[in-house]
Amino acid sequence: MSKNRREFFRVDFDGLIDGEIRREGFEEALPIEIENVSAGGLVFYSPEEFPMDEKVECSFSILGRPFLLDGSIVRKTKKMVMNEHGVAFTVDQGTSSELFKQLNYYQIRQRKGGLDEE
């Protein structure tokens, strides 16, 4: 039986959410579609392919609350048209805690059916 190595719960969104990613050393932010987020990282889709261990800055909003988080690419998988990537965040405890609270709030609203298209 495989062991779940995740430290934080992961929130799957009702559909993909829009975000942006900026590669270290580049000015331009690229659009991404985010599948899920935890306080420790996220999974996104992009037509771009990012190398493993590349440092990135992820930008997205959850229920109107914007987040701008540093991380690095820890997983990548080639899909039919898009590339799936996993990012591990490298953030301080306060930022991680704030993201955790917002994800918890999202999940509560999701379970109660109180989410509008946001």
PDB file of N, CA and C in Angstrom:
ATOM      1  N   MET A   1       0.844  -1.175   0.000  1.00  0.00           N
ATOM      2  CA  MET A   1       0.000   0.000   0.000  1.00  0.00           C
ATOM      3  C   MET A   1       0.893   1.244   0.000  1.00  0.00           C
ATOM      4  N   SER A   2       0.572   2.199  -0.878  1.00  0.00           N
ATOM      5  CA  SER A   2       1.410   3.395  -0.957  1.00  0.00           C
ATOM      6  C   SER A   2       1.095   4.351   0.185  1.00  0.00           C
ATOM      7  N   LYS A   3       2.134   5.030   0.617  1.00  0.00           N
ATOM      8  CA  LYS A   3       1.998   5.975   1.725  1.00  0.00           C
ATOM      9  C   LYS A   3       1.778   7.375   1.159  1.00  0.00           C
ATOM     10  N   ASN A   4       0.775   8.088   1.670  1.00  0.00           N
ATOM     11  CA  ASN A   4       0.526   9.456   1.254  1.00  0.00           C
ATOM     12  C   ASN A   4       1.566  10.354   1.907  1.00  0.00           C
ATOM     13  N   ARG A   5       2.383  11.019   1.094  1.00  0.00           N
ATOM     14  CA  ARG A   5       3.465  11.852   1.607  1.00  0.00           C
ATOM     15  C   ARG A   5       3.047  13.302   1.812  1.00  0.00           C
ATOM     16  N   ARG A   6       1.811  13.628   1.504  1.00  0.00           N
ATOM     17  CA  ARG A   6       1.377  15.017   1.620  1.00  0.00           C
ATOM     18  C   ARG A   6       1.251  15.446   3.065  1.00  0.00           C
ATOM     19  N   GLU A   7       1.748  16.642   3.327  1.00  0.00           N
ATOM     20  CA  GLU A   7       1.679  17.209   4.663  1.00  0.00           C
ATOM     21  C   GLU A   7       0.380  17.987   4.862  1.00  0.00           C
ATOM     22  N   PHE A   8      -0.200  18.513   3.761  1.00  0.00           N
ATOM     23  CA  PHE A   8      -1.389  19.358   3.825  1.00  0.00           C
ATOM     24  C   PHE A   8      -2.516  18.764   2.991  1.00  0.00           C
ATOM     25  N   PHE A   9      -3.765  19.082   3.366  1.00  0.00           N
ATOM     26  CA  PHE A   9      -4.888  18.652   2.544  1.00  0.00           C
ATOM     27  C   PHE A   9      -4.877  19.438   1.236  1.00  0.00           C
ATOM     28  N   ARG A  10      -5.389  18.817   0.199  1.00  0.00           N
ATOM     29  CA  ARG A  10      -5.383  19.401  -1.142  1.00  0.00           C
ATOM     30  C   ARG A  10      -6.824  19.696  -1.542  1.00  0.00           C
ATOM     31  N   VAL A  11      -7.072  20.883  -2.089  1.00  0.00           N
ATOM     32  CA  VAL A  11      -8.408  21.279  -2.529  1.00  0.00           C
ATOM     33  C   VAL A  11      -8.483  21.193  -4.047  1.00  0.00           C
ATOM     34  N   ASP A  12      -9.396  20.332  -4.534  1.00  0.00           N
ATOM     35  CA  ASP A  12      -9.693  20.258  -5.959  1.00  0.00           C
ATOM     36  C   ASP A  12     -10.813  21.247  -6.238  1.00  0.00           C
ATOM     37  N   PHE A  13     -10.623  22.101  -7.228  1.00  0.00           N
ATOM     38  CA  PHE A  13     -11.603  23.125  -7.536  1.00  0.00           C
ATOM     39  C   PHE A  13     -12.714  22.568  -8.408  1.00  0.00           C
ATOM     40  N   ASP A  14     -13.855  23.247  -8.402  1.00  0.00           N
ATOM     41  CA  ASP A  14     -14.965  22.905  -9.290  1.00  0.00           C
ATOM     42  C   ASP A  14     -14.629  23.464 -10.666  1.00  0.00           C
ATOM     43  N   GLY A  15     -13.766  22.783 -11.383  1.00  0.00           N
ATOM     44  CA  GLY A  15     -13.225  23.286 -12.641  1.00  0.00           C
ATOM     45  C   GLY A  15     -11.859  23.903 -12.381  1.00  0.00           C
ATOM     46  N   LEU A  16     -11.141  24.191 -13.434  1.00  0.00           N
ATOM     47  CA  LEU A  16      -9.811  24.789 -13.296  1.00  0.00           C
ATOM     48  C   LEU A  16      -9.938  26.273 -12.975  1.00  0.00           C
ATOM     49  N   ILE A  17      -8.991  26.802 -12.188  1.00  0.00           N
ATOM     50  CA  ILE A  17      -8.986  28.243 -11.934  1.00  0.00           C
ATOM     51  C   ILE A  17      -7.798  28.871 -12.663  1.00  0.00           C
ATOM     52  N   ASP A  18      -7.988  30.100 -13.080  1.00  0.00           N
ATOM     53  CA  ASP A  18      -6.941  30.821 -13.806  1.00  0.00           C
ATOM     54  C   ASP A  18      -5.883  31.342 -12.848  1.00  0.00           C
ATOM     55  N   GLY A  19      -4.661  31.319 -13.312  1.00  0.00           N
ATOM     56  CA  GLY A  19      -3.555  31.872 -12.550  1.00  0.00           C
ATOM     57  C   GLY A  19      -2.458  32.297 -13.503  1.00  0.00           C
ATOM     58  N   GLU A  20      -1.360  32.728 -12.933  1.00  0.00           N
ATOM     59  CA  GLU A  20      -0.189  33.097 -13.727  1.00  0.00           C
ATOM     60  C   GLU A  20       1.050  32.550 -13.047  1.00  0.00           C
ATOM     61  N   ILE A  21       2.058  32.318 -13.869  1.00  0.00           N
ATOM     62  CA  ILE A  21       3.330  31.848 -13.332  1.00  0.00           C
ATOM     63  C   ILE A  21       4.447  32.658 -13.983  1.00  0.00           C
ATOM     64  N   ARG A  22       5.411  33.014 -13.181  1.00  0.00           N
ATOM     65  CA  ARG A  22       6.563  33.773 -13.683  1.00  0.00           C
ATOM     66  C   ARG A  22       7.815  32.957 -13.390  1.00  0.00           C
ATOM     67  N   ARG A  23       8.604  32.761 -14.426  1.00  0.00           N
ATOM     68  CA  ARG A  23       9.864  32.041 -14.275  1.00  0.00           C
ATOM     69  C   ARG A  23      10.918  32.987 -13.730  1.00  0.00           C
ATOM     70  N   GLU A  24      11.793  32.458 -12.904  1.00  0.00           N
ATOM     71  CA  GLU A  24      12.880  33.267 -12.354  1.00  0.00           C
ATOM     72  C   GLU A  24      13.721  33.822 -13.497  1.00  0.00           C
ATOM     73  N   GLY A  25      13.969  35.124 -13.458  1.00  0.00           N
ATOM     74  CA  GLY A  25      14.772  35.762 -14.490  1.00  0.00           C
ATOM     75  C   GLY A  25      13.978  36.262 -15.687  1.00  0.00           C
ATOM     76  N   PHE A  26      12.651  36.045 -15.697  1.00  0.00           N
ATOM     77  CA  PHE A  26      11.797  36.502 -16.789  1.00  0.00           C
ATOM     78  C   PHE A  26      10.811  37.536 -16.263  1.00  0.00           C
ATOM     79  N   GLU A  27      10.537  38.545 -17.071  1.00  0.00           N
ATOM     80  CA  GLU A  27       9.571  39.584 -16.690  1.00  0.00           C
ATOM     81  C   GLU A  27       8.137  39.121 -16.908  1.00  0.00           C
ATOM     82  N   GLU A  28       7.910  38.433 -18.031  1.00  0.00           N
ATOM     83  CA  GLU A  28       6.552  38.088 -18.449  1.00  0.00           C
ATOM     84  C   GLU A  28       5.964  36.944 -17.620  1.00  0.00           C
ATOM     85  N   ALA A  29       4.731  37.150 -17.171  1.00  0.00           N
ATOM     86  CA  ALA A  29       3.991  36.087 -16.490  1.00  0.00           C
ATOM     87  C   ALA A  29       3.194  35.317 -17.537  1.00  0.00           C
ATOM     88  N   LEU A  30       3.187  34.005 -17.420  1.00  0.00           N
ATOM     89  CA  LEU A  30       2.473  33.150 -18.362  1.00  0.00           C
ATOM     90  C   LEU A  30       1.168  32.673 -17.734  1.00  0.00           C
ATOM     91  N   PRO A  31       0.088  32.600 -18.525  1.00  0.00           N
ATOM     92  CA  PRO A  31      -1.181  32.112 -17.972  1.00  0.00           C
ATOM     93  C   PRO A  31      -1.117  30.607 -17.716  1.00  0.00           C
ATOM     94  N   ILE A  32      -1.740  30.178 -16.615  1.00  0.00           N
ATOM     95  CA  ILE A  32      -1.833  28.756 -16.282  1.00  0.00           C
ATOM     96  C   ILE A  32      -3.257  28.452 -15.836  1.00  0.00           C
ATOM     97  N   GLU A  33      -3.602  27.167 -15.851  1.00  0.00           N
ATOM     98  CA  GLU A  33      -4.875  26.694 -15.319  1.00  0.00           C
ATOM     99  C   GLU A  33      -4.559  25.771 -14.154  1.00  0.00           C
ATOM    100  N   ILE A  34      -5.091  26.107 -12.986  1.00  0.00           N
ATOM    101  CA  ILE A  34      -4.756  25.397 -11.753  1.00  0.00           C
ATOM    102  C   ILE A  34      -5.826  24.363 -11.437  1.00  0.00           C
ATOM    103  N   GLU A  35      -5.392  23.120 -11.217  1.00  0.00           N
ATOM    104  CA  GLU A  35      -6.308  22.018 -10.899  1.00  0.00           C
ATOM    105  C   GLU A  35      -6.591  21.933  -9.408  1.00  0.00           C
ATOM    106  N   ASN A  36      -5.538  22.042  -8.594  1.00  0.00           N
ATOM    107  CA  ASN A  36      -5.716  21.950  -7.150  1.00  0.00           C
ATOM    108  C   ASN A  36      -4.585  22.672  -6.435  1.00  0.00           C
ATOM    109  N   VAL A  37      -4.860  23.003  -5.164  1.00  0.00           N
ATOM    110  CA  VAL A  37      -3.895  23.741  -4.347  1.00  0.00           C
ATOM    111  C   VAL A  37      -3.916  23.176  -2.942  1.00  0.00           C
ATOM    112  N   SER A  38      -2.753  23.140  -2.310  1.00  0.00           N
ATOM    113  CA  SER A  38      -2.643  22.862  -0.875  1.00  0.00           C
ATOM    114  C   SER A  38      -1.762  23.962  -0.294  1.00  0.00           C
ATOM    115  N   ALA A  39      -1.617  23.979   1.004  1.00  0.00           N
ATOM    116  CA  ALA A  39      -0.735  24.968   1.626  1.00  0.00           C
ATOM    117  C   ALA A  39       0.720  24.708   1.246  1.00  0.00           C
ATOM    118  N   GLY A  40       1.010  23.524   0.699  1.00  0.00           N
ATOM    119  CA  GLY A  40       2.375  23.179   0.328  1.00  0.00           C
ATOM    120  C   GLY A  40       2.695  23.264  -1.148  1.00  0.00           C
ATOM    121  N   GLY A  41       1.663  23.421  -2.004  1.00  0.00           N
ATOM    122  CA  GLY A  41       1.931  23.471  -3.431  1.00  0.00           C
ATOM    123  C   GLY A  41       0.675  23.445  -4.269  1.00  0.00           C
ATOM    124  N   LEU A  42       0.856  23.313  -5.580  1.00  0.00           N
ATOM    125  CA  LEU A  42      -0.285  23.268  -6.494  1.00  0.00           C
ATOM    126  C   LEU A  42       0.051  22.434  -7.716  1.00  0.00           C
ATOM    127  N   VAL A  43      -1.006  22.085  -8.474  1.00  0.00           N
ATOM    128  CA  VAL A  43      -0.865  21.400  -9.755  1.00  0.00           C
ATOM    129  C   VAL A  43      -1.486  22.307 -10.808  1.00  0.00           C
ATOM    130  N   PHE A  44      -0.747  22.545 -11.907  1.00  0.00           N
ATOM    131  CA  PHE A  44      -1.264  23.408 -12.965  1.00  0.00           C
ATOM    132  C   PHE A  44      -1.001  22.810 -14.337  1.00  0.00           C
ATOM    133  N   TYR A  45      -1.753  23.334 -15.323  1.00  0.00           N
ATOM    134  CA  TYR A  45      -1.601  22.956 -16.723  1.00  0.00           C
ATOM    135  C   TYR A  45      -1.159  24.169 -17.524  1.00  0.00           C
ATOM    136  N   SER A  46      -0.274  23.921 -18.487  1.00  0.00           N
ATOM    137  CA  SER A  46       0.231  24.981 -19.353  1.00  0.00           C
ATOM    138  C   SER A  46       0.727  24.353 -20.651  1.00  0.00           C
ATOM    139  N   PRO A  47       0.615  25.084 -21.773  1.00  0.00           N
ATOM    140  CA  PRO A  47       1.230  24.575 -22.998  1.00  0.00           C
ATOM    141  C   PRO A  47       2.759  24.623 -22.915  1.00  0.00           C
ATOM    142  N   GLU A  48       3.278  25.476 -22.033  1.00  0.00           N
ATOM    143  CA  GLU A  48       4.727  25.584 -21.825  1.00  0.00           C
ATOM    144  C   GLU A  48       5.236  24.388 -21.024  1.00  0.00           C
ATOM    145  N   GLU A  49       6.479  24.010 -21.276  1.00  0.00           N
ATOM    146  CA  GLU A  49       7.119  22.961 -20.478  1.00  0.00           C
ATOM    147  C   GLU A  49       8.179  23.611 -19.593  1.00  0.00           C
ATOM    148  N   PHE A  50       8.098  23.348 -18.303  1.00  0.00           N
ATOM    149  CA  PHE A  50       9.029  23.912 -17.332  1.00  0.00           C
ATOM    150  C   PHE A  50       9.988  22.820 -16.871  1.00  0.00           C
ATOM    151  N   PRO A  51      11.282  23.120 -16.778  1.00  0.00           N
ATOM    152  CA  PRO A  51      12.234  22.111 -16.305  1.00  0.00           C
ATOM    153  C   PRO A  51      12.074  21.840 -14.808  1.00  0.00           C
ATOM    154  N   MET A  52      12.421  20.644 -14.418  1.00  0.00           N
ATOM    155  CA  MET A  52      12.395  20.264 -13.004  1.00  0.00           C
ATOM    156  C   MET A  52      13.295  21.202 -12.209  1.00  0.00           C
ATOM    157  N   ASP A  53      12.873  21.508 -10.998  1.00  0.00           N
ATOM    158  CA  ASP A  53      13.605  22.346 -10.041  1.00  0.00           C
ATOM    159  C   ASP A  53      13.673  23.821 -10.428  1.00  0.00           C
ATOM    160  N   GLU A  54      13.010  24.223 -11.523  1.00  0.00           N
ATOM    161  CA  GLU A  54      13.017  25.640 -11.887  1.00  0.00           C
ATOM    162  C   GLU A  54      12.258  26.444 -10.834  1.00  0.00           C
ATOM    163  N   LYS A  55      12.816  27.580 -10.459  1.00  0.00           N
ATOM    164  CA  LYS A  55      12.178  28.483  -9.494  1.00  0.00           C
ATOM    165  C   LYS A  55      11.110  29.297 -10.221  1.00  0.00           C
ATOM    166  N   VAL A  56       9.916  29.380  -9.600  1.00  0.00           N
ATOM    167  CA  VAL A  56       8.790  30.090 -10.198  1.00  0.00           C
ATOM    168  C   VAL A  56       8.063  30.916  -9.138  1.00  0.00           C
ATOM    169  N   GLU A  57       7.242  31.834  -9.615  1.00  0.00           N
ATOM    170  CA  GLU A  57       6.380  32.641  -8.756  1.00  0.00           C
ATOM    171  C   GLU A  57       4.949  32.441  -9.267  1.00  0.00           C
ATOM    172  N   CYS A  58       4.071  31.918  -8.417  1.00  0.00           N
ATOM    173  CA  CYS A  58       2.699  31.597  -8.796  1.00  0.00           C
ATOM    174  C   CYS A  58       1.743  32.659  -8.274  1.00  0.00           C
ATOM    175  N   SER A  59       0.813  33.067  -9.124  1.00  0.00           N
ATOM    176  CA  SER A  59      -0.167  34.084  -8.770  1.00  0.00           C
ATOM    177  C   SER A  59      -1.564  33.548  -9.077  1.00  0.00           C
ATOM    178  N   PHE A  60      -2.471  33.623  -8.093  1.00  0.00           N
ATOM    179  CA  PHE A  60      -3.846  33.163  -8.261  1.00  0.00           C
ATOM    180  C   PHE A  60      -4.699  33.748  -7.145  1.00  0.00           C
ATOM    181  N   SER A  61      -6.023  33.608  -7.289  1.00  0.00           N
ATOM    182  CA  SER A  61      -6.955  34.078  -6.261  1.00  0.00           C
ATOM    183  C   SER A  61      -7.877  32.948  -5.851  1.00  0.00           C
ATOM    184  N   ILE A  62      -8.203  32.912  -4.568  1.00  0.00           N
ATOM    185  CA  ILE A  62      -9.183  31.965  -4.038  1.00  0.00           C
ATOM    186  C   ILE A  62     -10.240  32.778  -3.312  1.00  0.00           C
ATOM    187  N   LEU A  63     -11.479  32.705  -3.817  1.00  0.00           N
ATOM    188  CA  LEU A  63     -12.599  33.461  -3.253  1.00  0.00           C
ATOM    189  C   LEU A  63     -12.262  34.943  -3.116  1.00  0.00           C
ATOM    190  N   GLY A  64     -11.627  35.485  -4.146  1.00  0.00           N
ATOM    191  CA  GLY A  64     -11.309  36.904  -4.169  1.00  0.00           C
ATOM    192  C   GLY A  64     -10.044  37.305  -3.429  1.00  0.00           C
ATOM    193  N   ARG A  65      -9.409  36.376  -2.740  1.00  0.00           N
ATOM    194  CA  ARG A  65      -8.183  36.664  -1.983  1.00  0.00           C
ATOM    195  C   ARG A  65      -6.980  36.319  -2.857  1.00  0.00           C
ATOM    196  N   PRO A  66      -6.176  37.326  -3.269  1.00  0.00           N
ATOM    197  CA  PRO A  66      -5.021  37.050  -4.131  1.00  0.00           C
ATOM    198  C   PRO A  66      -3.839  36.450  -3.354  1.00  0.00           C
ATOM    199  N   PHE A  67      -3.121  35.568  -4.040  1.00  0.00           N
ATOM    200  CA  PHE A  67      -1.902  34.970  -3.491  1.00  0.00           C
ATOM    201  C   PHE A  67      -0.789  35.093  -4.519  1.00  0.00           C
ATOM    202  N   LEU A  68       0.417  35.369  -4.045  1.00  0.00           N
ATOM    203  CA  LEU A  68       1.624  35.430  -4.863  1.00  0.00           C
ATOM    204  C   LEU A  68       2.679  34.637  -4.106  1.00  0.00           C
ATOM    205  N   LEU A  69       2.981  33.425  -4.600  1.00  0.00           N
ATOM    206  CA  LEU A  69       3.798  32.480  -3.841  1.00  0.00           C
ATOM    207  C   LEU A  69       4.984  31.982  -4.652  1.00  0.00           C
ATOM    208  N   ASP A  70       6.143  31.937  -4.018  1.00  0.00           N
ATOM    209  CA  ASP A  70       7.338  31.372  -4.634  1.00  0.00           C
ATOM    210  C   ASP A  70       7.328  29.860  -4.479  1.00  0.00           C
ATOM    211  N   GLY A  71       7.948  29.192  -5.446  1.00  0.00           N
ATOM    212  CA  GLY A  71       8.050  27.745  -5.376  1.00  0.00           C
ATOM    213  C   GLY A  71       9.010  27.231  -6.426  1.00  0.00           C
ATOM    214  N   SER A  72       9.004  25.917  -6.606  1.00  0.00           N
ATOM    215  CA  SER A  72       9.826  25.300  -7.642  1.00  0.00           C
ATOM    216  C   SER A  72       9.087  24.105  -8.222  1.00  0.00           C
ATOM    217  N   ILE A  73       9.389  23.814  -9.476  1.00  0.00           N
ATOM    218  CA  ILE A  73       8.758  22.700 -10.186  1.00  0.00           C
ATOM    219  C   ILE A  73       9.306  21.393  -9.614  1.00  0.00           C
ATOM    220  N   VAL A  74       8.396  20.535  -9.136  1.00  0.00           N
ATOM    221  CA  VAL A  74       8.814  19.265  -8.537  1.00  0.00           C
ATOM    222  C   VAL A  74       8.290  18.051  -9.306  1.00  0.00           C
ATOM    223  N   ARG A  75       7.375  18.295 -10.254  1.00  0.00           N
ATOM    224  CA  ARG A  75       6.824  17.186 -11.034  1.00  0.00           C
ATOM    225  C   ARG A  75       6.332  17.731 -12.361  1.00  0.00           C
ATOM    226  N   LYS A  76       6.481  16.925 -13.411  1.00  0.00           N
ATOM    227  CA  LYS A  76       5.912  17.305 -14.702  1.00  0.00           C
ATOM    228  C   LYS A  76       5.517  16.062 -15.472  1.00  0.00           C
ATOM    229  N   THR A  77       4.395  16.194 -16.186  1.00  0.00           N
ATOM    230  CA  THR A  77       3.859  15.100 -16.979  1.00  0.00           C
ATOM    231  C   THR A  77       3.338  15.675 -18.285  1.00  0.00           C
ATOM    232  N   LYS A  78       3.710  15.079 -19.393  1.00  0.00           N
ATOM    233  CA  LYS A  78       3.227  15.515 -20.702  1.00  0.00           C
ATOM    234  C   LYS A  78       1.848  14.915 -20.928  1.00  0.00           C
ATOM    235  N   LYS A  79       0.867  15.774 -21.178  1.00  0.00           N
ATOM    236  CA  LYS A  79      -0.492  15.333 -21.507  1.00  0.00           C
ATOM    237  C   LYS A  79      -0.686  15.502 -23.009  1.00  0.00           C
ATOM    238  N   MET A  80      -1.892  15.242 -23.499  1.00  0.00           N
ATOM    239  CA  MET A  80      -2.158  15.321 -24.939  1.00  0.00           C
ATOM    240  C   MET A  80      -1.740  16.680 -25.524  1.00  0.00           C
ATOM    241  N   VAL A  81      -2.287  17.751 -25.004  1.00  0.00           N
ATOM    242  CA  VAL A  81      -2.013  19.083 -25.537  1.00  0.00           C
ATOM    243  C   VAL A  81      -1.262  19.939 -24.527  1.00  0.00           C
ATOM    244  N   MET A  82      -1.566  19.740 -23.260  1.00  0.00           N
ATOM    245  CA  MET A  82      -0.991  20.561 -22.195  1.00  0.00           C
ATOM    246  C   MET A  82       0.055  19.768 -21.415  1.00  0.00           C
ATOM    247  N   ASN A  83       0.837  20.489 -20.641  1.00  0.00           N
ATOM    248  CA  ASN A  83       1.790  19.883 -19.717  1.00  0.00           C
ATOM    249  C   ASN A  83       1.271  20.083 -18.300  1.00  0.00           C
ATOM    250  N   GLU A  84       1.301  19.018 -17.512  1.00  0.00           N
ATOM    251  CA  GLU A  84       0.896  19.101 -16.107  1.00  0.00           C
ATOM    252  C   GLU A  84       2.156  19.248 -15.262  1.00  0.00           C
ATOM    253  N   HIS A  85       2.138  20.207 -14.345  1.00  0.00           N
ATOM    254  CA  HIS A  85       3.291  20.457 -13.479  1.00  0.00           C
ATOM    255  C   HIS A  85       2.857  20.519 -12.025  1.00  0.00           C
ATOM    256  N   GLY A  86       3.717  20.056 -11.153  1.00  0.00           N
ATOM    257  CA  GLY A  86       3.523  20.213  -9.718  1.00  0.00           C
ATOM    258  C   GLY A  86       4.529  21.209  -9.186  1.00  0.00           C
ATOM    259  N   VAL A  87       4.052  22.112  -8.329  1.00  0.00           N
ATOM    260  CA  VAL A  87       4.907  23.130  -7.712  1.00  0.00           C
ATOM    261  C   VAL A  87       4.897  22.925  -6.208  1.00  0.00           C
ATOM    262  N   ALA A  88       6.071  22.944  -5.593  1.00  0.00           N
ATOM    263  CA  ALA A  88       6.186  22.954  -4.130  1.00  0.00           C
ATOM    264  C   ALA A  88       6.484  24.387  -3.725  1.00  0.00           C
ATOM    265  N   PHE A  89       5.644  24.930  -2.840  1.00  0.00           N
ATOM    266  CA  PHE A  89       5.849  26.303  -2.382  1.00  0.00           C
ATOM    267  C   PHE A  89       7.024  26.391  -1.424  1.00  0.00           C
ATOM    268  N   THR A  90       7.712  27.516  -1.473  1.00  0.00           N
ATOM    269  CA  THR A  90       8.766  27.843  -0.508  1.00  0.00           C
ATOM    270  C   THR A  90       8.361  29.161   0.133  1.00  0.00           C
ATOM    271  N   VAL A  91       7.443  29.065   1.099  1.00  0.00           N
ATOM    272  CA  VAL A  91       6.877  30.259   1.730  1.00  0.00           C
ATOM    273  C   VAL A  91       7.052  30.185   3.239  1.00  0.00           C
ATOM    274  N   ASP A  92       6.925  31.345   3.879  1.00  0.00           N
ATOM    275  CA  ASP A  92       7.039  31.392   5.332  1.00  0.00           C
ATOM    276  C   ASP A  92       5.772  30.844   5.992  1.00  0.00           C
ATOM    277  N   GLN A  93       5.853  30.597   7.281  1.00  0.00           N
ATOM    278  CA  GLN A  93       4.752  29.999   8.032  1.00  0.00           C
ATOM    279  C   GLN A  93       3.488  30.859   7.980  1.00  0.00           C
ATOM    280  N   GLY A  94       3.639  32.179   8.056  1.00  0.00           N
ATOM    281  CA  GLY A  94       2.485  33.074   8.031  1.00  0.00           C
ATOM    282  C   GLY A  94       1.720  32.995   6.721  1.00  0.00           C
ATOM    283  N   THR A  95       2.439  32.992   5.609  1.00  0.00           N
ATOM    284  CA  THR A  95       1.810  32.896   4.291  1.00  0.00           C
ATOM    285  C   THR A  95       1.144  31.541   4.118  1.00  0.00           C
ATOM    286  N   SER A  96       1.829  30.487   4.530  1.00  0.00           N
ATOM    287  CA  SER A  96       1.277  29.141   4.456  1.00  0.00           C
ATOM    288  C   SER A  96       0.000  29.034   5.281  1.00  0.00           C
ATOM    289  N   SER A  97       0.006  29.623   6.450  1.00  0.00           N
ATOM    290  CA  SER A  97      -1.151  29.601   7.339  1.00  0.00           C
ATOM    291  C   SER A  97      -2.328  30.360   6.728  1.00  0.00           C
ATOM    292  N   GLU A  98      -2.053  31.494   6.103  1.00  0.00           N
ATOM    293  CA  GLU A  98      -3.104  32.288   5.454  1.00  0.00           C
ATOM    294  C   GLU A  98      -3.718  31.520   4.290  1.00  0.00           C
ATOM    295  N   LEU A  99      -2.891  30.854   3.490  1.00  0.00           N
ATOM    296  CA  LEU A  99      -3.384  30.039   2.385  1.00  0.00           C
ATOM    297  C   LEU A  99      -4.205  28.875   2.921  1.00  0.00           C
ATOM    298  N   PHE A 100      -3.725  28.228   3.977  1.00  0.00           N
ATOM    299  CA  PHE A 100      -4.437  27.112   4.594  1.00  0.00           C
ATOM    300  C   PHE A 100      -5.838  27.551   5.027  1.00  0.00           C
ATOM    301  N   LYS A 101      -5.942  28.705   5.667  1.00  0.00           N
ATOM    302  CA  LYS A 101      -7.245  29.215   6.125  1.00  0.00           C
ATOM    303  C   LYS A 101      -8.182  29.466   4.944  1.00  0.00           C
ATOM    304  N   GLN A 102      -7.658  30.055   3.874  1.00  0.00           N
ATOM    305  CA  GLN A 102      -8.503  30.358   2.719  1.00  0.00           C
ATOM    306  C   GLN A 102      -8.948  29.075   2.018  1.00  0.00           C
ATOM    307  N   LEU A 103      -8.069  28.089   1.940  1.00  0.00           N
ATOM    308  CA  LEU A 103      -8.437  26.802   1.341  1.00  0.00           C
ATOM    309  C   LEU A 103      -9.499  26.099   2.177  1.00  0.00           C
ATOM    310  N   ASN A 104      -9.364  26.173   3.486  1.00  0.00           N
ATOM    311  CA  ASN A 104     -10.352  25.577   4.383  1.00  0.00           C
ATOM    312  C   ASN A 104     -11.712  26.240   4.183  1.00  0.00           C
ATOM    313  N   TYR A 105     -11.726  27.559   4.101  1.00  0.00           N
ATOM    314  CA  TYR A 105     -12.956  28.312   3.871  1.00  0.00           C
ATOM    315  C   TYR A 105     -13.580  27.924   2.525  1.00  0.00           C
ATOM    316  N   TYR A 106     -12.752  27.805   1.482  1.00  0.00           N
ATOM    317  CA  TYR A 106     -13.233  27.396   0.163  1.00  0.00           C
ATOM    318  C   TYR A 106     -13.877  26.010   0.245  1.00  0.00           C
ATOM    319  N   GLN A 107     -13.193  25.093   0.910  1.00  0.00           N
ATOM    320  CA  GLN A 107     -13.689  23.721   0.994  1.00  0.00           C
ATOM    321  C   GLN A 107     -15.010  23.640   1.763  1.00  0.00           C
ATOM    322  N   ILE A 108     -15.156  24.416   2.823  1.00  0.00           N
ATOM    323  CA  ILE A 108     -16.416  24.450   3.573  1.00  0.00           C
ATOM    324  C   ILE A 108     -17.539  24.949   2.673  1.00  0.00           C
ATOM    325  N   ARG A 109     -17.294  26.038   1.960  1.00  0.00           N
ATOM    326  CA  ARG A 109     -18.312  26.571   1.046  1.00  0.00           C
ATOM    327  C   ARG A 109     -18.604  25.602  -0.090  1.00  0.00           C
ATOM    328  N   GLN A 110     -17.588  24.906  -0.559  1.00  0.00           N
ATOM    329  CA  GLN A 110     -17.754  23.931  -1.633  1.00  0.00           C
ATOM    330  C   GLN A 110     -18.670  22.798  -1.178  1.00  0.00           C
ATOM    331  N   ARG A 111     -18.458  22.292   0.017  1.00  0.00           N
ATOM    332  CA  ARG A 111     -19.273  21.190   0.548  1.00  0.00           C
ATOM    333  C   ARG A 111     -20.714  21.607   0.795  1.00  0.00           C
ATOM    334  N   LYS A 112     -20.904  22.863   1.190  1.00  0.00           N
ATOM    335  CA  LYS A 112     -22.253  23.372   1.447  1.00  0.00           C
ATOM    336  C   LYS A 112     -22.947  23.820   0.169  1.00  0.00           C
ATOM    337  N   GLY A 113     -22.236  23.780  -0.946  1.00  0.00           N
ATOM    338  CA  GLY A 113     -22.818  24.201  -2.220  1.00  0.00           C
ATOM    339  C   GLY A 113     -22.958  25.705  -2.338  1.00  0.00           C
ATOM    340  N   GLY A 114     -22.173  26.454  -1.578  1.00  0.00           N
ATOM    341  CA  GLY A 114     -22.284  27.907  -1.565  1.00  0.00           C
ATOM    342  C   GLY A 114     -21.276  28.621  -2.429  1.00  0.00           C
ATOM    343  N   LEU A 115     -20.766  27.964  -3.458  1.00  0.00           N
ATOM    344  CA  LEU A 115     -19.777  28.609  -4.333  1.00  0.00           C
ATOM    345  C   LEU A 115     -20.450  29.106  -5.597  1.00  0.00           C
ATOM    346  N   ASP A 116     -20.242  30.362  -5.913  1.00  0.00           N
ATOM    347  CA  ASP A 116     -20.645  30.903  -7.201  1.00  0.00           C
ATOM    348  C   ASP A 116     -19.431  30.802  -8.104  1.00  0.00           C
ATOM    349  N   GLU A 117     -19.629  31.046  -9.375  1.00  0.00           N
ATOM    350  CA  GLU A 117     -18.487  31.077 -10.290  1.00  0.00           C
ATOM    351  C   GLU A 117     -17.605  32.248  -9.908  1.00  0.00           C
ATOM    352  N   GLU A 118     -16.415  31.973  -9.397  1.00  0.00           N
ATOM    353  CA  GLU A 118     -15.511  33.037  -8.946  1.00  0.00           C
ATOM    354  C   GLU A 118     -14.202  32.936  -9.665  1.00  0.00           C
TER     355      GLU A 118
END
